[in-house]
Protein backbone atom coordinates (compact mmCIF):
# COMPACT_ATOMS: atom_id res chain seq x y z
CA UNK A 1 60.30 122.87 104.46
CA UNK A 2 60.56 120.27 101.73
CA UNK A 3 63.80 121.84 100.43
CA UNK A 4 65.27 121.92 103.94
CA UNK A 5 64.44 118.27 104.49
CA UNK A 6 66.01 117.36 101.15
CA UNK A 7 69.19 119.23 102.05
CA UNK A 8 69.41 117.43 105.39
CA UNK A 9 68.89 114.14 103.58
CA UNK A 10 71.70 114.87 101.14
CA UNK A 11 74.06 115.78 103.99
CA UNK A 12 73.15 112.61 105.88
CA UNK A 13 73.66 110.51 102.76
CA UNK A 14 77.07 112.03 102.12
CA UNK A 15 78.13 111.58 105.74
CA UNK A 16 77.08 107.93 105.63
CA UNK A 17 78.94 107.35 102.39
CA UNK A 18 82.09 108.94 103.77
CA UNK A 19 82.16 106.85 106.94
CA UNK A 20 85.23 104.68 106.82
CA UNK A 21 86.19 105.90 103.34
CA UNK A 22 88.16 109.07 104.17
CA UNK A 23 91.88 108.44 103.66
CA UNK A 24 94.45 109.57 106.20
CA UNK A 25 95.51 113.20 105.83
CA UNK A 26 99.06 112.12 105.00
CA UNK A 27 97.88 109.85 102.18
CA UNK A 28 95.55 112.53 100.82
CA UNK A 29 98.16 115.30 100.93
CA UNK A 30 100.78 113.17 99.17
CA UNK A 31 98.26 111.82 96.63
CA UNK A 32 99.31 108.21 97.12
CA UNK A 33 97.27 105.03 96.78
CA UNK A 34 95.96 103.43 99.95
CA UNK A 35 94.33 100.10 100.69
CA UNK A 36 90.94 101.76 100.12
CA UNK A 37 91.59 104.42 97.48
CA UNK A 38 93.14 105.01 94.10
CA UNK A 39 94.91 108.39 94.12
CA UNK A 40 95.13 110.12 90.73
CA UNK A 41 97.33 113.24 90.56
CA UNK A 42 96.47 116.00 88.09
CA UNK A 43 98.42 119.20 87.50
CA UNK A 44 98.40 121.88 84.86
CA UNK A 45 97.44 125.40 83.93
CA UNK A 46 94.66 127.11 82.05
CA UNK A 47 93.97 130.66 80.93
CA UNK A 48 91.49 132.91 79.17
CA UNK A 49 88.22 131.25 78.23
CA UNK A 50 89.80 127.84 77.64
CA UNK A 51 88.96 124.65 79.51
CA UNK A 52 91.30 122.08 81.02
CA UNK A 53 90.42 118.38 80.65
CA UNK A 54 92.29 115.25 81.76
CA UNK A 55 91.35 111.57 81.49
CA UNK A 56 91.82 110.19 85.01
CA UNK A 57 90.81 106.60 84.35
CA UNK A 58 87.67 104.68 85.29
CA UNK A 59 85.94 106.46 82.41
CA UNK A 60 86.15 109.71 84.40
CA UNK A 61 87.29 113.15 83.23
CA UNK A 62 88.70 115.94 85.40
CA UNK A 63 87.45 119.18 83.85
CA UNK A 64 87.98 122.85 84.65
CA UNK A 65 85.12 124.50 82.79
CA UNK A 66 85.23 128.26 82.10
CA UNK A 67 82.76 130.36 84.09
CA UNK A 68 82.04 134.12 84.17
CA UNK A 69 84.58 134.76 86.98
CA UNK A 70 87.01 131.86 86.53
CA UNK A 71 86.57 128.11 86.33
CA UNK A 72 84.36 125.39 87.83
CA UNK A 73 85.80 122.06 88.99
CA UNK A 74 83.98 119.11 87.41
CA UNK A 75 84.63 115.37 87.60
CA UNK A 76 82.54 113.72 84.89
CA UNK A 77 81.67 110.04 84.84
CA UNK A 78 81.51 108.01 81.63
CA UNK A 79 77.98 109.29 80.98
CA UNK A 80 78.94 112.94 81.47
CA UNK A 81 77.39 113.35 84.94
CA UNK A 82 79.30 115.77 87.18
CA UNK A 83 80.10 113.77 90.32
CA UNK A 84 81.49 116.89 92.03
CA UNK A 85 77.99 118.41 92.30
CA UNK A 86 77.76 116.70 95.71
CA UNK A 87 80.21 119.24 97.18
CA UNK A 88 78.75 121.39 99.94
CA UNK A 89 77.37 124.02 100.16
CA UNK A 90 74.91 123.12 97.44
CA UNK A 91 73.84 126.74 96.90
CA UNK A 92 75.68 130.04 96.54
CA UNK A 93 78.85 131.16 94.80
CA UNK A 94 81.40 130.15 97.44
CA UNK A 95 81.34 126.42 96.81
CA UNK A 96 84.95 125.08 96.85
CA UNK A 97 84.41 123.90 93.26
CA UNK A 98 84.24 127.49 92.06
CA UNK A 99 87.63 129.03 91.31
CA UNK A 100 86.56 132.64 91.01
CA UNK A 101 88.74 135.72 91.02
CA UNK A 102 86.61 137.69 93.47
CA UNK A 103 87.18 135.00 96.12
CA UNK A 104 90.67 136.49 96.47
CA UNK A 105 89.61 140.17 96.68
CA UNK A 106 88.00 142.20 99.41
CA UNK A 107 84.34 143.19 99.21
CA UNK A 108 85.12 146.53 97.58
CA UNK A 109 87.57 144.94 95.12
CA UNK A 110 90.30 147.35 96.22
CA UNK A 111 92.79 144.77 97.50
CA UNK A 112 93.38 141.19 98.64
CA UNK A 113 90.72 139.31 100.57
CA UNK A 114 91.60 139.77 104.23
CA UNK A 115 88.55 137.95 105.52
CA UNK A 116 85.65 140.23 104.67
CA UNK A 117 84.66 137.94 101.77
CA UNK A 118 83.80 134.51 103.13
CA UNK A 119 85.14 132.35 100.30
CA UNK A 120 87.56 129.43 100.02
CA UNK A 121 91.12 130.33 99.13
CA UNK A 122 94.09 128.46 97.65
CA UNK A 123 93.12 124.94 98.71
CA UNK A 124 89.81 123.48 97.57
CA UNK A 125 88.32 120.16 98.69
CA UNK A 126 85.40 118.59 96.89
CA UNK A 127 83.24 115.51 97.12
CA UNK A 128 82.36 112.99 94.41
CA UNK A 129 79.05 111.17 94.52
CA UNK A 130 76.24 110.05 92.24
CA UNK A 131 72.92 110.49 94.08
CA UNK A 132 71.04 108.89 91.18
CA UNK A 133 72.02 105.44 92.42
CA UNK A 134 73.57 102.60 90.53
CA UNK A 135 77.04 104.11 90.68
CA UNK A 136 79.76 101.48 90.49
CA UNK A 137 81.82 103.22 93.19
CA UNK A 138 81.16 104.77 96.57
CA UNK A 139 81.78 108.40 97.40
CA UNK A 140 85.15 109.80 96.36
CA UNK A 141 87.05 112.90 97.34
CA UNK A 142 89.36 115.39 95.71
CA UNK A 143 91.46 118.43 96.38
CA UNK A 144 92.89 121.19 94.24
CA UNK A 145 95.69 123.49 95.32
CA UNK A 146 96.11 126.79 93.47
CA UNK A 147 99.83 127.44 92.98
CA UNK A 148 99.55 130.60 90.87
CA UNK A 149 96.80 132.74 89.39
CA UNK A 150 96.13 135.99 87.57
CA UNK A 151 93.16 138.34 87.94
CA UNK A 152 91.37 140.92 85.79
CA UNK A 153 88.57 143.45 86.44
CA UNK A 154 90.25 144.88 89.53
CA UNK A 155 88.46 148.23 89.48
CA UNK A 156 86.56 149.10 92.70
CA UNK A 157 82.97 147.92 92.53
CA UNK A 158 83.71 145.28 89.90
CA UNK A 159 83.90 141.53 90.50
CA UNK A 160 87.38 140.21 89.78
CA UNK A 161 87.82 137.47 87.19
CA UNK A 162 90.44 134.77 87.37
CA UNK A 163 92.09 134.72 83.94
CA UNK A 164 95.04 132.42 84.65
CA UNK A 165 95.31 129.39 86.91
CA UNK A 166 98.12 126.99 87.76
CA UNK A 167 97.25 124.08 90.02
CA UNK A 168 97.98 120.68 91.52
CA UNK A 169 95.06 118.36 92.21
CA UNK A 170 94.34 114.86 93.44
CA UNK A 171 91.30 112.65 92.90
CA UNK A 172 90.73 109.93 95.50
CA UNK A 173 88.56 107.17 94.06
CA UNK A 174 87.37 104.39 96.39
CA UNK A 175 88.41 100.93 95.28
CA UNK A 176 85.63 98.49 94.57
CA UNK A 177 85.09 95.47 96.79
CA UNK A 178 86.55 93.32 94.02
CA UNK A 179 89.68 95.46 93.77
CA UNK A 180 90.24 95.41 97.52
CA UNK A 181 89.76 91.64 97.64
CA UNK A 182 92.17 91.12 94.74
CA UNK A 183 94.85 93.31 96.31
CA UNK A 184 94.41 91.64 99.68
CA UNK A 185 94.78 88.25 98.03
CA UNK A 186 97.99 89.39 96.32
CA UNK A 187 99.57 90.08 99.73
CA UNK A 188 98.77 86.59 101.04
CA UNK A 189 101.64 84.06 101.02
CA UNK A 190 99.20 81.12 101.09
CA UNK A 191 98.67 79.11 97.90
CA UNK A 192 95.09 77.98 97.42
CA UNK A 193 94.33 74.44 96.28
CA UNK A 194 93.70 75.45 92.68
CA UNK A 195 97.09 77.15 92.48
CA UNK A 196 98.88 74.16 93.96
CA UNK A 197 97.20 71.93 91.39
CA UNK A 198 98.33 74.22 88.55
CA UNK A 199 101.89 74.24 89.84
CA UNK A 200 102.18 70.48 90.28
CA UNK A 201 100.40 69.50 87.07
CA UNK A 202 102.81 71.69 85.13
CA UNK A 203 105.60 69.42 86.30
CA UNK A 204 107.18 70.87 89.44
CA UNK A 205 109.23 68.06 91.00
CA UNK A 206 108.39 67.03 94.57
CA UNK A 207 111.95 67.96 95.55
CA UNK A 208 110.70 71.56 95.51
CA UNK A 209 107.85 73.23 97.30
CA UNK A 210 106.10 76.51 96.40
CA UNK A 211 106.90 79.06 99.09
CA UNK A 212 106.19 82.79 98.85
CA UNK A 213 109.56 84.15 99.96
CA UNK A 214 108.73 87.13 97.74
CA UNK A 215 105.29 88.63 97.06
CA UNK A 216 103.00 88.40 95.23
CA UNK A 217 103.11 84.62 95.50
CA UNK A 218 102.49 84.12 91.77
CA UNK A 219 103.02 86.26 88.66
CA UNK A 220 101.21 85.71 85.36
CA UNK A 221 102.38 86.57 81.87
CA UNK A 222 103.47 85.23 78.49
CA UNK A 223 107.24 84.76 78.27
CA UNK A 224 107.46 83.19 74.82
CA UNK A 225 104.70 85.28 73.20
CA UNK A 226 102.76 82.23 72.05
CA UNK A 227 99.46 83.52 73.41
CA UNK A 228 99.30 80.84 76.12
CA UNK A 229 99.18 81.54 79.84
CA UNK A 230 102.54 81.32 81.65
CA UNK A 231 103.21 81.86 85.34
CA UNK A 232 106.11 82.05 87.78
CA UNK A 233 106.19 81.00 91.44
CA UNK A 234 108.91 81.24 94.09
CA UNK A 235 110.05 77.81 95.28
CA UNK A 236 112.36 76.28 97.88
CA UNK A 237 114.42 73.12 97.53
CA UNK A 238 113.50 70.87 100.46
CA UNK A 239 116.93 69.36 101.00
CA UNK A 240 118.77 72.63 101.73
CA UNK A 241 116.28 75.53 101.64
CA UNK A 242 117.78 77.04 98.47
CA UNK A 243 115.49 79.63 96.90
CA UNK A 244 114.53 79.40 93.26
CA UNK A 245 111.80 80.28 90.78
CA UNK A 246 109.70 77.86 88.76
CA UNK A 247 108.33 79.14 85.46
CA UNK A 248 105.48 77.22 83.86
CA UNK A 249 104.82 77.79 80.16
CA UNK A 250 101.42 76.98 78.70
CA UNK A 251 100.57 74.73 81.65
CA UNK A 252 102.98 72.10 80.30
CA UNK A 253 106.67 72.96 80.61
CA UNK A 254 108.33 73.91 83.90
CA UNK A 255 111.84 75.36 84.10
CA UNK A 256 113.70 75.88 87.37
CA UNK A 257 115.89 78.94 87.95
CA UNK A 258 118.27 79.76 90.78
CA UNK A 259 118.79 76.27 92.13
CA UNK A 260 122.03 75.13 90.52
CA UNK A 261 123.44 76.81 87.44
CA UNK A 262 123.16 80.32 86.04
CA UNK A 263 121.64 80.73 82.56
CA UNK A 264 124.17 80.56 79.69
CA UNK A 265 126.51 83.55 79.65
CA UNK A 266 125.00 84.94 82.87
CA UNK A 267 126.40 85.97 86.23
CA UNK A 268 122.99 85.39 87.85
CA UNK A 269 124.29 83.05 90.54
CA UNK A 270 122.01 80.83 92.67
CA UNK A 271 122.90 82.81 95.80
CA UNK A 272 121.21 85.88 94.29
CA UNK A 273 117.82 84.16 94.60
CA UNK A 274 118.32 83.97 98.38
CA UNK A 275 118.58 87.76 98.47
CA UNK A 276 115.79 88.85 96.10
CA UNK A 277 113.46 91.39 97.75
CA UNK A 278 111.03 92.21 94.93
CA UNK A 279 109.91 90.84 91.59
CA UNK A 280 107.62 91.90 88.78
CA UNK A 281 106.64 90.83 85.29
CA UNK A 282 105.75 92.82 82.20
CA UNK A 283 106.47 93.43 78.50
CA UNK A 284 110.16 93.89 77.76
CA UNK A 285 109.74 97.44 76.52
CA UNK A 286 108.25 98.48 79.89
CA UNK A 287 111.20 97.25 81.97
CA UNK A 288 112.94 100.24 83.52
CA UNK A 289 116.26 101.34 82.04
CA UNK A 290 118.94 101.99 84.60
CA UNK A 291 122.10 104.12 84.38
CA UNK A 292 124.60 102.55 81.96
CA UNK A 293 122.08 99.79 81.20
CA UNK A 294 121.53 99.07 77.52
CA UNK A 295 118.24 97.40 78.38
CA UNK A 296 116.80 94.08 77.32
CA UNK A 297 117.14 92.84 73.74
CA UNK A 298 114.10 93.72 71.67
CA UNK A 299 111.57 90.99 71.17
CA UNK A 300 108.11 89.77 72.06
CA UNK A 301 107.26 88.17 75.35
CA UNK A 302 107.34 89.30 78.95
CA UNK A 303 110.36 89.64 81.20
CA UNK A 304 110.64 88.70 84.86
CA UNK A 305 112.69 91.23 86.85
CA UNK A 306 114.30 90.26 90.16
CA UNK A 307 115.60 93.00 92.40
CA UNK A 308 117.49 93.66 95.57
CA UNK A 309 115.90 97.06 96.12
CA UNK A 310 118.33 99.89 95.27
CA UNK A 311 121.17 97.36 95.19
CA UNK A 312 120.94 95.24 92.04
CA UNK A 313 118.53 93.86 89.44
CA UNK A 314 118.36 91.13 86.79
CA UNK A 315 115.69 90.10 84.29
CA UNK A 316 114.85 86.65 82.94
CA UNK A 317 113.44 86.56 79.41
CA UNK A 318 112.81 84.01 76.64
CA UNK A 319 115.01 84.15 73.55
CA UNK A 320 116.11 81.55 70.97
CA UNK A 321 114.05 78.77 72.60
CA UNK A 322 115.60 79.25 76.05
CA UNK A 323 115.51 81.54 79.06
CA UNK A 324 118.28 84.15 79.22
CA UNK A 325 119.22 86.65 81.89
CA UNK A 326 120.14 90.32 81.73
CA UNK A 327 122.08 92.22 84.40
CA UNK A 328 120.61 95.71 84.84
CA UNK A 329 122.73 97.21 87.60
CA UNK A 330 124.66 96.59 90.80
CA UNK A 331 125.18 99.41 93.29
CA UNK A 332 126.70 97.32 96.07
CA UNK A 333 128.39 93.97 96.08
CA UNK A 334 126.19 91.08 97.25
């Protein structure tokens, strides 16, 4: 009776943890991030008595561990605890975590499983939870889809072994409250008081106002590689509504881009800033290379990329004590 009560308690706990955390089927099947989950795709193959291991972030490891008849799915936390142990049923050899050859054979092992062996088949779904408490994340989910496999021990009366496995998998990790709050904040066009103070004290003239005509409303980086905090904000000129970007370096120097003149030797005209649909910041060597694009000049410091999605893109970067621009591509005329 005590074991039965414990099992019911585990099921109730898992159901409670899953409430409101299960992603849509479309998001799960495509293994894409959602507002509530990180989605980490994993794919590969394994054979013989070898294991398959992949670092999936968060200090977690996706592991296919060899077992007598195939492999076991494990998702280990930073301390080595197998979070996938929460997958039901808790007892028996037909848990979805177990990728065993005999799951795909009939009871007599004379042919394919046509339903007389009650075992999961090509698609496996598993649960991730730490019942010990103190876990930094809520319950997660995962799936593994077997795309190819090989079997051995196919003689009648034997139990078939899986000796080769090819798979695609996805681990769905709930975002923490802090992550969700940070991402929600990034989608807000409203500047908080502290941000407005930063922008104005860096020297933004009152002829311009911060306005999030592109999101996120502020990007942080280090353009001149001096180790000081720089940031960029979209702005609007009050007199005519012209879009521009203000870049503040080290909380002291503000430069305005897109209002009047293009940077030296650039065709980045002010009108382009009225058409920008996306922007991002990052180290120069991480900026995407496009067809027939030589890429940014090598050098330290971040680059700010402005894009009309699938139409054109430019980057602003710091070089020789001034901001320069680089034209990546144009697929259609503005």
